[in-house]
């Protein structure tokens, strides 16, 4: 039997050994040999793809950069911020690890950049923080619980006709100026998520404060974390915003929380990835996007979903340039996610908000999680909307004679009720149960 003194020595040895194993005992340093745009070439041993390095400027500041490629014995780094003050021979220090950010409950109500630094003018207390890499693997296919629980967004058109499940990923496809930011704010305020994480990627600087104050509001901000990288920043830091936001989601998910991730927009993130790929010599393919961006998107979007501990429900906004649905990013995201919501410019022009094209939108999981009564009522509404749309031109010019088609007569009669159901003011708070009951009652006597 060991003496107390021997037990004490063994305990000290174990702690020292553990500390040494986790401590970097050496540090690689090198110098800048070439700087072209945001690309820095460095001769520095021990580097690997994804390592975060710091480059010292002539005025004593440190500029972060990431290892993205190798060219012979030279490593190519991309600056995460601007390169002001960097010159030939500037000292480069490797951290030996990727970007890590502090995560914890202290992030709620805060605005941070992809490096985990506060940008809302207030200090960030990271005393009890966990530090997490922004890179990470998605949950394994057999580790994901099957989605069985409905996720309430608080928006009648979504909850009623394209019901989401906890852990589902949907794409929100929209052109510019049709109300996607307003819709995201409505969901953030009214959803039943425990935590909202919002990734604002490539936004105009003025829109960040507008989104926080007008779209989110005080109530929405209390349970939200915003990760922001504006459009004036270098492409690599914009691309990292989605990774950092996903890492924050994973922390709260591992605490057993129901997390809602909103990304505005994946398109600008992909554009940043295009700039990164082209700057390191990748060949351009469709619309100039390098091949790596498509596999990168697949990997990042797969990180959302259910885990044995909690769930990440995600809504990825995709900007359709010129309302072009054949854009490669639109196609790739629509193929990855579990459903899509289209915002229509024609619907918005008729002052119908949220401007959701119900017939063009679908949730692939609604049939598995909604009740039979709910699915039947939603199906009847879609049938009436489709019938009315097919004959809208005849109705508008007065060429349709009432009584010619009994089913169309029902559609015409029901349209005011349907539009009233689908329209919603930003201040309206509607529960999932209320939405389903209203829809079922409205369609109860409809025989179509």
Protein backbone atom coordinates (compact mmCIF):
# COMPACT_ATOMS: atom_id res chain seq x y z
CA UNK A 1 0.00 0.00 0.00
CA UNK A 2 1.40 3.42 -1.04
CA UNK A 3 2.07 6.04 1.62
CA UNK A 4 0.22 9.41 1.43
CA UNK A 5 3.53 10.99 0.38
CA UNK A 6 3.91 8.50 -2.50
CA UNK A 7 0.33 9.14 -3.60
CA UNK A 8 1.05 12.86 -3.58
CA UNK A 9 4.18 12.38 -5.73
CA UNK A 10 2.28 10.21 -8.22
CA UNK A 11 -0.45 12.84 -8.46
CA UNK A 12 2.12 15.60 -9.11
CA UNK A 13 3.88 13.49 -11.76
CA UNK A 14 0.57 12.83 -13.52
CA UNK A 15 -0.31 16.54 -13.58
CA UNK A 16 3.16 17.55 -14.82
CA UNK A 17 3.05 14.90 -17.54
CA UNK A 18 -0.43 16.03 -18.63
CA UNK A 19 0.68 19.69 -18.72
CA UNK A 20 3.78 18.90 -20.76
CA UNK A 21 1.75 16.85 -23.25
CA UNK A 22 -0.60 19.77 -23.88
CA UNK A 23 2.07 22.49 -23.90
CA UNK A 24 3.90 23.61 -27.02
CA UNK A 25 7.57 23.43 -26.01
CA UNK A 26 8.91 25.12 -29.12
CA UNK A 27 7.78 27.81 -31.56
CA UNK A 28 8.54 28.09 -35.26
CA UNK A 29 9.52 31.49 -36.64
CA UNK A 30 10.26 32.67 -40.15
CA UNK A 31 10.21 35.77 -42.33
CA UNK A 32 8.09 37.08 -45.21
CA UNK A 33 9.76 36.47 -48.57
CA UNK A 34 6.95 37.72 -50.85
CA UNK A 35 3.68 39.65 -50.49
CA UNK A 36 1.20 39.90 -53.36
CA UNK A 37 -2.20 41.29 -52.52
CA UNK A 38 -3.41 39.26 -49.52
CA UNK A 39 -1.12 36.30 -50.27
CA UNK A 40 2.07 36.03 -48.20
CA UNK A 41 4.89 33.60 -48.97
CA UNK A 42 6.95 32.39 -46.02
CA UNK A 43 9.79 29.94 -45.52
CA UNK A 44 8.98 28.41 -42.17
CA UNK A 45 9.38 24.76 -41.10
CA UNK A 46 6.69 22.81 -39.30
CA UNK A 47 3.68 24.49 -40.90
CA UNK A 48 0.57 22.58 -41.96
CA UNK A 49 -2.62 23.51 -43.80
CA UNK A 50 -5.00 25.47 -41.58
CA UNK A 51 -2.40 26.72 -39.09
CA UNK A 52 -2.92 30.24 -37.76
CA UNK A 53 0.16 32.45 -37.94
CA UNK A 54 0.86 36.02 -36.86
CA UNK A 55 2.94 38.41 -38.93
CA UNK A 56 4.62 41.27 -37.08
CA UNK A 57 4.42 44.64 -38.81
CA UNK A 58 7.09 47.34 -38.67
CA UNK A 59 5.01 49.31 -36.16
CA UNK A 60 4.75 46.36 -33.74
CA UNK A 61 1.25 45.10 -34.58
CA UNK A 62 0.41 41.45 -35.30
CA UNK A 63 -1.60 40.50 -38.38
CA UNK A 64 -3.28 37.06 -38.45
CA UNK A 65 -2.88 34.83 -41.50
CA UNK A 66 -3.72 31.21 -42.29
CA UNK A 67 -1.68 28.60 -44.14
CA UNK A 68 -3.64 27.69 -47.28
CA UNK A 69 -1.12 26.09 -49.65
CA UNK A 70 2.50 25.05 -50.21
CA UNK A 71 4.68 25.83 -53.21
CA UNK A 72 7.86 23.81 -52.97
CA UNK A 73 9.50 24.73 -49.66
CA UNK A 74 7.49 27.94 -49.44
CA UNK A 75 4.21 28.17 -47.54
CA UNK A 76 1.46 30.41 -48.88
CA UNK A 77 -0.53 32.27 -46.26
CA UNK A 78 -3.67 34.34 -46.72
CA UNK A 79 -4.16 37.40 -44.55
CA UNK A 80 -7.30 37.35 -42.44
CA UNK A 81 -7.21 41.13 -42.07
CA UNK A 82 -5.45 43.86 -44.04
CA UNK A 83 -1.71 43.75 -44.70
CA UNK A 84 -0.86 47.33 -43.71
CA UNK A 85 2.64 47.54 -42.24
CA UNK A 86 3.88 44.15 -43.52
CA UNK A 87 7.10 44.24 -45.51
CA UNK A 88 9.92 42.09 -46.82
CA UNK A 89 11.50 40.28 -43.87
CA UNK A 90 8.61 40.77 -41.43
CA UNK A 91 8.71 38.14 -38.69
CA UNK A 92 6.18 35.30 -38.91
CA UNK A 93 5.25 33.22 -35.84
CA UNK A 94 3.21 30.01 -36.05
CA UNK A 95 0.68 29.08 -33.37
CA UNK A 96 0.75 25.46 -34.51
CA UNK A 97 -3.05 25.21 -34.46
CA UNK A 98 -6.11 26.47 -36.39
CA UNK A 99 -8.28 29.42 -35.36
CA UNK A 100 -9.86 28.83 -31.95
CA UNK A 101 -12.55 31.00 -30.39
CA UNK A 102 -13.90 31.35 -26.84
CA UNK A 103 -17.38 29.89 -26.34
CA UNK A 104 -19.77 30.01 -23.41
CA UNK A 105 -23.01 31.54 -22.17
CA UNK A 106 -21.23 34.92 -22.04
CA UNK A 107 -21.67 35.13 -25.83
CA UNK A 108 -25.46 35.55 -25.57
CA UNK A 109 -26.48 39.03 -26.66
CA UNK A 110 -23.04 39.73 -28.12
CA UNK A 111 -21.62 40.60 -31.52
CA UNK A 112 -18.28 38.97 -32.37
CA UNK A 113 -16.05 38.56 -35.42
CA UNK A 114 -14.91 35.16 -36.79
CA UNK A 115 -11.78 35.35 -34.60
CA UNK A 116 -14.00 35.39 -31.49
CA UNK A 117 -13.26 39.05 -30.72
CA UNK A 118 -16.06 41.43 -29.63
CA UNK A 119 -17.01 44.13 -32.14
CA UNK A 120 -19.87 45.74 -30.23
CA UNK A 121 -17.64 48.06 -28.25
CA UNK A 122 -17.80 46.08 -24.98
CA UNK A 123 -15.18 43.78 -23.47
CA UNK A 124 -15.68 40.00 -23.54
CA UNK A 125 -15.09 38.19 -20.25
CA UNK A 126 -13.47 34.88 -21.26
CA UNK A 127 -12.35 33.89 -17.74
CA UNK A 128 -14.41 30.69 -17.69
CA UNK A 129 -14.51 30.21 -21.46
CA UNK A 130 -14.03 26.98 -23.33
CA UNK A 131 -11.85 27.34 -26.41
CA UNK A 132 -13.05 25.62 -29.56
CA UNK A 133 -11.61 25.28 -33.05
CA UNK A 134 -13.85 26.73 -35.74
CA UNK A 135 -13.09 23.66 -37.83
CA UNK A 136 -14.83 20.45 -36.86
CA UNK A 137 -16.27 17.21 -38.20
CA UNK A 138 -20.01 16.70 -38.67
CA UNK A 139 -21.81 14.13 -36.47
CA UNK A 140 -21.51 10.57 -37.82
CA UNK A 141 -24.46 9.22 -39.84
CA UNK A 142 -25.35 6.71 -37.12
CA UNK A 143 -24.91 9.24 -34.31
CA UNK A 144 -27.74 11.44 -35.57
CA UNK A 145 -31.13 10.79 -33.92
CA UNK A 146 -34.02 10.67 -36.39
CA UNK A 147 -35.92 13.95 -36.60
CA UNK A 148 -39.34 13.53 -35.00
CA UNK A 149 -40.02 16.86 -33.26
CA UNK A 150 -41.54 19.88 -35.00
CA UNK A 151 -39.67 23.20 -34.83
CA UNK A 152 -41.88 26.27 -34.43
CA UNK A 153 -40.66 29.34 -36.32
CA UNK A 154 -43.60 31.54 -35.34
CA UNK A 155 -44.31 32.24 -39.03
CA UNK A 156 -47.70 30.83 -40.13
CA UNK A 157 -46.75 30.22 -43.76
CA UNK A 158 -43.72 28.10 -42.74
CA UNK A 159 -45.25 26.28 -39.77
CA UNK A 160 -48.46 25.53 -41.65
CA UNK A 161 -47.31 24.61 -45.15
CA UNK A 162 -43.62 23.66 -44.90
CA UNK A 163 -43.20 22.55 -41.29
CA UNK A 164 -39.61 22.31 -40.06
CA UNK A 165 -38.23 19.67 -37.71
CA UNK A 166 -35.66 20.11 -34.92
CA UNK A 167 -32.31 19.41 -36.55
CA UNK A 168 -33.49 20.07 -40.11
CA UNK A 169 -31.58 22.24 -42.58
CA UNK A 170 -33.51 24.45 -44.97
CA UNK A 171 -32.40 26.85 -47.67
CA UNK A 172 -34.00 30.30 -47.92
CA UNK A 173 -33.66 31.39 -51.54
CA UNK A 174 -34.32 35.02 -52.38
CA UNK A 175 -33.33 37.91 -54.58
CA UNK A 176 -32.29 41.22 -53.10
CA UNK A 177 -34.86 43.40 -51.38
CA UNK A 178 -37.71 40.91 -50.90
CA UNK A 179 -37.63 40.75 -47.10
CA UNK A 180 -35.26 37.93 -46.17
CA UNK A 181 -33.61 39.84 -43.28
CA UNK A 182 -37.03 40.79 -41.92
CA UNK A 183 -38.14 37.16 -42.10
CA UNK A 184 -34.98 36.00 -40.29
CA UNK A 185 -35.66 38.55 -37.55
CA UNK A 186 -39.25 37.32 -37.16
CA UNK A 187 -38.07 33.73 -36.75
CA UNK A 188 -35.30 34.71 -34.32
CA UNK A 189 -37.81 36.52 -32.07
CA UNK A 190 -40.68 34.04 -32.28
CA UNK A 191 -39.12 30.58 -32.65
CA UNK A 192 -38.99 28.07 -29.80
CA UNK A 193 -35.18 27.80 -30.02
CA UNK A 194 -33.17 28.16 -26.81
CA UNK A 195 -30.36 29.97 -28.63
CA UNK A 196 -30.13 31.77 -31.98
CA UNK A 197 -26.78 32.05 -33.76
CA UNK A 198 -26.73 34.47 -36.70
CA UNK A 199 -23.90 34.56 -39.25
CA UNK A 200 -23.86 37.87 -41.13
CA UNK A 201 -21.46 37.37 -44.04
CA UNK A 202 -20.49 40.09 -46.46
CA UNK A 203 -23.19 42.47 -45.22
CA UNK A 204 -23.05 46.22 -45.69
CA UNK A 205 -21.73 47.87 -42.56
CA UNK A 206 -24.89 49.91 -41.97
CA UNK A 207 -27.10 46.81 -42.17
CA UNK A 208 -25.55 45.14 -39.13
CA UNK A 209 -26.94 47.64 -36.63
CA UNK A 210 -30.24 47.78 -38.52
CA UNK A 211 -30.59 43.99 -38.28
CA UNK A 212 -29.84 43.99 -34.55
CA UNK A 213 -32.16 46.88 -33.64
CA UNK A 214 -34.98 46.54 -36.20
CA UNK A 215 -35.11 42.87 -37.17
CA UNK A 216 -33.94 41.14 -33.96
CA UNK A 217 -35.03 43.69 -31.39
CA UNK A 218 -34.23 43.56 -27.67
CA UNK A 219 -36.07 40.27 -27.06
CA UNK A 220 -34.47 38.49 -30.00
CA UNK A 221 -30.99 39.72 -29.09
CA UNK A 222 -31.20 38.36 -25.53
CA UNK A 223 -30.99 34.77 -26.76
CA UNK A 224 -28.82 35.40 -29.82
CA UNK A 225 -25.15 35.38 -30.75
CA UNK A 226 -24.14 37.27 -33.89
CA UNK A 227 -20.99 36.41 -35.81
CA UNK A 228 -20.30 39.16 -38.34
CA UNK A 229 -17.85 39.84 -41.13
CA UNK A 230 -18.75 42.80 -43.34
CA UNK A 231 -18.25 43.02 -47.10
CA UNK A 232 -15.25 45.36 -46.86
CA UNK A 233 -13.14 42.73 -45.08
CA UNK A 234 -10.75 40.27 -46.81
CA UNK A 235 -12.31 37.13 -48.34
CA UNK A 236 -10.76 34.60 -45.94
CA UNK A 237 -12.23 36.21 -42.80
CA UNK A 238 -15.64 36.38 -44.53
CA UNK A 239 -15.43 32.67 -45.31
CA UNK A 240 -14.50 31.91 -41.69
CA UNK A 241 -17.69 33.58 -40.39
CA UNK A 242 -19.83 30.55 -41.27
CA UNK A 243 -17.32 28.19 -39.62
CA UNK A 244 -17.16 30.31 -36.45
CA UNK A 245 -20.97 30.55 -36.21
CA UNK A 246 -21.27 26.78 -36.64
CA UNK A 247 -18.69 26.20 -33.89
CA UNK A 248 -20.70 28.43 -31.51
CA UNK A 249 -23.82 26.39 -32.39
CA UNK A 250 -21.99 23.16 -31.64
CA UNK A 251 -21.02 24.40 -28.18
CA UNK A 252 -24.63 25.22 -27.23
CA UNK A 253 -25.86 21.99 -28.86
CA UNK A 254 -23.45 20.00 -26.70
CA UNK A 255 -24.99 21.70 -23.65
CA UNK A 256 -28.31 20.07 -24.60
CA UNK A 257 -29.81 23.24 -26.11
CA UNK A 258 -32.15 23.60 -29.07
CA UNK A 259 -30.10 25.87 -31.35
CA UNK A 260 -31.21 27.77 -34.44
CA UNK A 261 -28.53 28.80 -36.95
CA UNK A 262 -29.29 31.52 -39.50
CA UNK A 263 -26.79 32.36 -42.23
CA UNK A 264 -27.13 35.49 -44.34
CA UNK A 265 -25.83 34.68 -46.90
CA UNK A 266 -24.18 31.45 -48.06
CA UNK A 267 -23.75 33.05 -51.48
CA UNK A 268 -21.42 35.77 -50.18
CA UNK A 269 -19.54 33.11 -48.21
CA UNK A 270 -19.09 31.10 -51.42
CA UNK A 271 -17.96 34.24 -53.26
CA UNK A 272 -15.32 34.76 -50.58
CA UNK A 273 -14.26 31.14 -51.06
CA UNK A 274 -14.00 31.78 -54.79
CA UNK A 275 -11.59 34.67 -54.17
CA UNK A 276 -9.55 32.49 -51.82
CA UNK A 277 -9.39 29.61 -54.30
CA UNK A 278 -8.42 31.77 -57.26
CA UNK A 279 -5.76 33.61 -55.24
CA UNK A 280 -3.91 30.33 -54.54
CA UNK A 281 -4.16 29.14 -58.15
CA UNK A 282 -7.19 26.82 -58.22
CA UNK A 283 -8.77 26.45 -61.66
CA UNK A 284 -12.14 28.22 -62.13
CA UNK A 285 -15.17 26.11 -63.08
CA UNK A 286 -18.85 27.15 -63.13
CA UNK A 287 -19.16 30.95 -62.86
CA UNK A 288 -15.52 31.10 -61.76
CA UNK A 289 -16.02 28.98 -58.63
CA UNK A 290 -13.11 26.61 -57.90
CA UNK A 291 -13.98 22.91 -57.41
CA UNK A 292 -13.06 23.02 -53.71
CA UNK A 293 -15.88 25.40 -52.78
CA UNK A 294 -18.57 22.79 -53.51
CA UNK A 295 -17.04 20.09 -51.30
CA UNK A 296 -16.33 22.76 -48.65
CA UNK A 297 -20.01 23.77 -48.57
CA UNK A 298 -21.09 20.13 -48.28
CA UNK A 299 -18.79 19.64 -45.29
CA UNK A 300 -19.81 22.82 -43.47
CA UNK A 301 -23.56 22.42 -43.98
CA UNK A 302 -23.39 18.81 -42.77
CA UNK A 303 -22.23 20.03 -39.34
CA UNK A 304 -25.78 21.17 -38.53
CA UNK A 305 -28.40 18.67 -37.43
CA UNK A 306 -29.26 16.47 -34.45
CA UNK A 307 -26.78 14.92 -32.05
CA UNK A 308 -27.40 12.72 -28.99
CA UNK A 309 -27.08 15.85 -26.82
CA UNK A 310 -29.03 18.56 -28.66
CA UNK A 311 -29.97 19.92 -32.06
CA UNK A 312 -28.92 22.57 -34.57
CA UNK A 313 -31.77 23.61 -36.85
CA UNK A 314 -30.39 25.69 -39.70
CA UNK A 315 -31.74 28.13 -42.25
CA UNK A 316 -29.18 29.00 -44.92
CA UNK A 317 -30.00 32.08 -46.98
CA UNK A 318 -28.94 31.95 -50.61
CA UNK A 319 -28.95 35.13 -52.69
CA UNK A 320 -30.28 34.55 -56.20
CA UNK A 321 -28.55 37.10 -58.41
CA UNK A 322 -31.17 38.48 -60.77
CA UNK A 323 -33.57 35.85 -59.34
CA UNK A 324 -31.57 33.22 -61.25
CA UNK A 325 -32.48 29.76 -59.90
CA UNK A 326 -29.83 28.09 -62.10
CA UNK A 327 -26.94 29.69 -60.21
CA UNK A 328 -24.43 26.95 -59.15
CA UNK A 329 -24.59 27.92 -55.46
CA UNK A 330 -28.40 27.75 -55.56
CA UNK A 331 -28.15 24.27 -57.08
CA UNK A 332 -25.54 22.91 -54.68
CA UNK A 333 -27.25 24.22 -51.53
CA UNK A 334 -30.67 23.00 -52.68
CA UNK A 335 -29.15 19.54 -53.17
CA UNK A 336 -27.60 19.49 -49.68
CA UNK A 337 -30.41 20.83 -47.49
CA UNK A 338 -33.65 19.11 -46.44
CA UNK A 339 -36.04 21.52 -48.11
CA UNK A 340 -36.23 25.03 -49.49
CA UNK A 341 -38.21 28.23 -49.04
CA UNK A 342 -38.45 30.62 -51.98
CA UNK A 343 -39.19 34.31 -51.53
CA UNK A 344 -40.92 35.65 -54.63
CA UNK A 345 -40.46 39.16 -56.01
CA UNK A 346 -43.93 38.98 -57.59
CA UNK A 347 -45.48 38.16 -54.22
CA UNK A 348 -43.56 41.02 -52.60
CA UNK A 349 -44.67 43.44 -55.32
CA UNK A 350 -48.30 42.71 -54.39
CA UNK A 351 -47.50 43.87 -50.80
CA UNK A 352 -47.84 40.32 -49.48
CA UNK A 353 -45.36 39.71 -46.65
CA UNK A 354 -43.63 37.47 -45.84
CA UNK A 355 -43.24 37.04 -49.60
CA UNK A 356 -43.07 33.24 -49.49
CA UNK A 357 -43.90 31.33 -52.67
CA UNK A 358 -45.79 28.48 -50.99
CA UNK A 359 -46.07 26.37 -54.16
CA UNK A 360 -42.34 26.71 -54.87
CA UNK A 361 -41.32 25.84 -51.31
CA UNK A 362 -41.17 22.46 -49.60
CA UNK A 363 -40.01 20.78 -46.42
CA UNK A 364 -38.83 17.24 -47.09
CA UNK A 365 -39.54 16.21 -43.50
CA UNK A 366 -43.05 17.60 -43.11
CA UNK A 367 -44.70 14.31 -44.13
CA UNK A 368 -42.75 12.51 -41.37
CA UNK A 369 -43.38 14.91 -38.47
CA UNK A 370 -46.81 16.49 -39.12
CA UNK A 371 -50.13 14.92 -38.06
CA UNK A 372 -52.46 13.45 -40.74
CA UNK A 373 -54.98 16.28 -40.20
CA UNK A 374 -52.27 18.89 -40.59
CA UNK A 375 -50.89 17.32 -43.78
CA UNK A 376 -54.40 16.99 -45.29
CA UNK A 377 -55.22 20.65 -44.57
CA UNK A 378 -51.89 21.85 -45.99
CA UNK A 379 -52.43 19.70 -49.09
CA UNK A 380 -55.87 21.25 -49.67
CA UNK A 381 -54.42 24.76 -49.37
CA UNK A 382 -51.69 23.96 -51.88
CA UNK A 383 -54.28 22.50 -54.29
CA UNK A 384 -56.41 25.66 -54.06
CA UNK A 385 -53.39 27.93 -54.54
CA UNK A 386 -52.25 25.91 -57.57
CA UNK A 387 -55.72 25.96 -59.15
CA UNK A 388 -56.08 29.68 -58.62
CA UNK A 389 -52.60 30.41 -60.03
CA UNK A 390 -53.30 28.37 -63.19
CA UNK A 391 -56.45 30.42 -63.89
CA UNK A 392 -55.39 33.79 -62.49
CA UNK A 393 -55.10 35.49 -65.89
CA UNK A 394 -58.63 34.44 -66.88
CA UNK A 395 -60.01 35.60 -63.53
CA UNK A 396 -58.21 38.95 -63.66
CA UNK A 397 -59.54 39.88 -67.12
CA UNK A 398 -63.06 38.70 -66.28
CA UNK A 399 -63.17 35.85 -68.78
CA UNK A 400 -63.99 33.18 -66.21
CA UNK A 401 -67.69 32.53 -65.70
CA UNK A 402 -68.58 31.48 -62.11
CA UNK A 403 -70.06 27.98 -62.05
CA UNK A 404 -67.96 26.70 -64.95
CA UNK A 405 -65.58 24.87 -62.58
CA UNK A 406 -66.87 24.11 -59.05
CA UNK A 407 -63.34 23.49 -57.74
CA UNK A 408 -62.14 26.84 -59.09
CA UNK A 409 -65.16 28.53 -57.53
CA UNK A 410 -64.04 27.18 -54.14
CA UNK A 411 -60.50 28.46 -54.76
CA UNK A 412 -61.77 31.95 -55.67
CA UNK A 413 -64.01 32.02 -52.60
CA UNK A 414 -61.24 30.85 -50.28
CA UNK A 415 -58.43 33.11 -51.55
CA UNK A 416 -59.11 36.03 -49.15
CA UNK A 417 -58.92 33.62 -46.17
CA UNK A 418 -55.82 31.90 -47.53
CA UNK A 419 -54.01 35.22 -48.11
CA UNK A 420 -54.98 36.41 -44.63
CA UNK A 421 -53.50 33.21 -43.20
CA UNK A 422 -50.26 33.46 -45.19
CA UNK A 423 -49.71 37.16 -44.50
CA UNK A 424 -48.26 38.18 -41.15
CA UNK A 425 -47.08 41.40 -39.56
CA UNK A 426 -43.59 41.38 -38.05
CA UNK A 427 -45.07 42.11 -34.61
CA UNK A 428 -47.46 39.12 -34.66
CA UNK A 429 -46.56 36.26 -32.32
CA UNK A 430 -48.16 32.97 -33.36
CA UNK A 431 -47.67 29.54 -31.78
CA UNK A 432 -47.39 26.29 -33.72
CA UNK A 433 -50.60 24.90 -32.17
CA UNK A 434 -52.55 28.04 -33.10
CA UNK A 435 -51.28 27.88 -36.68
CA UNK A 436 -52.21 24.21 -37.13
CA UNK A 437 -55.65 24.63 -35.55
CA UNK A 438 -56.44 27.65 -37.73
CA UNK A 439 -55.34 25.82 -40.88
CA UNK A 440 -57.29 22.63 -40.07
CA UNK A 441 -60.47 24.59 -39.22
CA UNK A 442 -60.19 26.70 -42.37
CA UNK A 443 -59.91 23.63 -44.61
CA UNK A 444 -62.35 21.40 -42.67
CA UNK A 445 -65.31 21.92 -45.02
CA UNK A 446 -63.32 22.18 -48.23
CA UNK A 447 -63.96 19.25 -50.56
CA UNK A 448 -61.44 19.30 -53.37
